[in-house]
Amino acid sequence: MKMSDFPIEATNSIPTVEIKGDCEVYVTGCLGILEYERDMIVVEGIGRKIEILGEGLEISEFLASGI
């Protein structure tokens, strides 16, 4: 089996973002939180920054697997 046979997100080499409806976002591959405001959250991913915009944002979980 070659590495190219695996989905890219299975390698943990890039962050992935999953959006559920209009009220939940799950980001894996995070290294940390760079900014945390009520209307903007910026997380550091592997090789990039991920900016989440909205109103009344909250981080409800911060696990080794993601936020």
Protein backbone atom coordinates (compact mmCIF):
# COMPACT_ATOMS: atom_id res chain seq x y z
CA MET A 1 0.00 0.00 0.00
CA LYS A 2 1.34 3.44 -0.94
CA MET A 3 0.99 6.63 1.09
CA SER A 4 -1.05 8.09 -1.77
CA ASP A 5 -3.71 5.43 -1.09
CA PHE A 6 -4.63 7.16 2.19
CA PRO A 7 -6.85 10.26 2.41
CA ILE A 8 -4.70 13.37 2.94
CA GLU A 9 -6.37 14.12 6.29
CA ALA A 10 -5.28 10.70 7.61
CA THR A 11 -1.63 11.76 7.44
CA ASN A 12 -2.12 14.66 9.91
CA SER A 13 0.03 16.78 7.62
CA ILE A 14 -2.68 19.40 7.01
CA PRO A 15 -5.47 20.79 9.18
CA THR A 16 -9.03 19.86 8.31
CA VAL A 17 -12.15 21.92 8.93
CA GLU A 18 -15.59 20.35 9.35
CA ILE A 19 -18.62 22.65 9.41
CA LYS A 20 -21.91 21.35 10.81
CA GLY A 21 -24.84 23.57 9.91
CA ASP A 22 -24.51 27.20 10.90
CA CYS A 23 -23.41 26.73 14.51
CA GLU A 24 -20.54 24.25 14.80
CA VAL A 25 -16.99 24.05 13.40
CA TYR A 26 -14.47 21.33 14.21
CA VAL A 27 -10.79 21.84 13.29
CA THR A 28 -8.21 19.06 13.49
CA GLY A 29 -4.47 19.45 13.06
CA CYS A 30 -4.33 22.54 15.32
CA LEU A 31 -1.15 23.59 17.04
CA GLY A 32 -2.70 26.34 19.16
CA ILE A 33 -5.03 29.31 19.41
CA LEU A 34 -3.56 32.57 18.10
CA GLU A 35 -6.57 34.87 18.70
CA TYR A 36 -9.82 34.39 20.58
CA GLU A 37 -12.52 37.05 20.37
CA ARG A 38 -16.32 36.85 20.44
CA ASP A 39 -16.44 37.42 16.67
CA MET A 40 -13.17 35.84 15.50
CA ILE A 41 -11.05 32.82 16.39
CA VAL A 42 -7.70 32.23 14.72
CA VAL A 43 -6.00 28.88 15.18
CA GLU A 44 -2.56 27.84 14.06
CA GLY A 45 -2.58 24.83 11.80
CA ILE A 46 0.33 22.93 10.40
CA GLY A 47 1.73 25.37 7.84
CA ARG A 48 -1.21 27.80 7.91
CA LYS A 49 -3.62 29.87 9.97
CA ILE A 50 -7.35 29.20 10.08
CA GLU A 51 -9.66 32.14 10.77
CA ILE A 52 -13.22 31.52 11.91
CA LEU A 53 -15.61 34.49 11.85
CA GLY A 54 -19.06 34.76 13.41
CA GLU A 55 -21.06 36.19 16.29
CA GLY A 56 -20.81 34.93 19.86
CA LEU A 57 -18.09 32.38 19.12
CA GLU A 58 -17.03 30.01 21.88
CA ILE A 59 -14.53 27.18 22.10
CA SER A 60 -16.31 24.31 23.82
CA GLU A 61 -13.58 21.67 23.45
CA PHE A 62 -9.82 21.83 23.06
CA LEU A 63 -8.49 18.32 22.71
CA ALA A 64 -5.30 16.81 21.31
CA SER A 65 -7.34 15.82 18.26
CA GLY A 66 -8.70 19.32 17.59
CA ILE A 67 -11.00 22.15 18.65
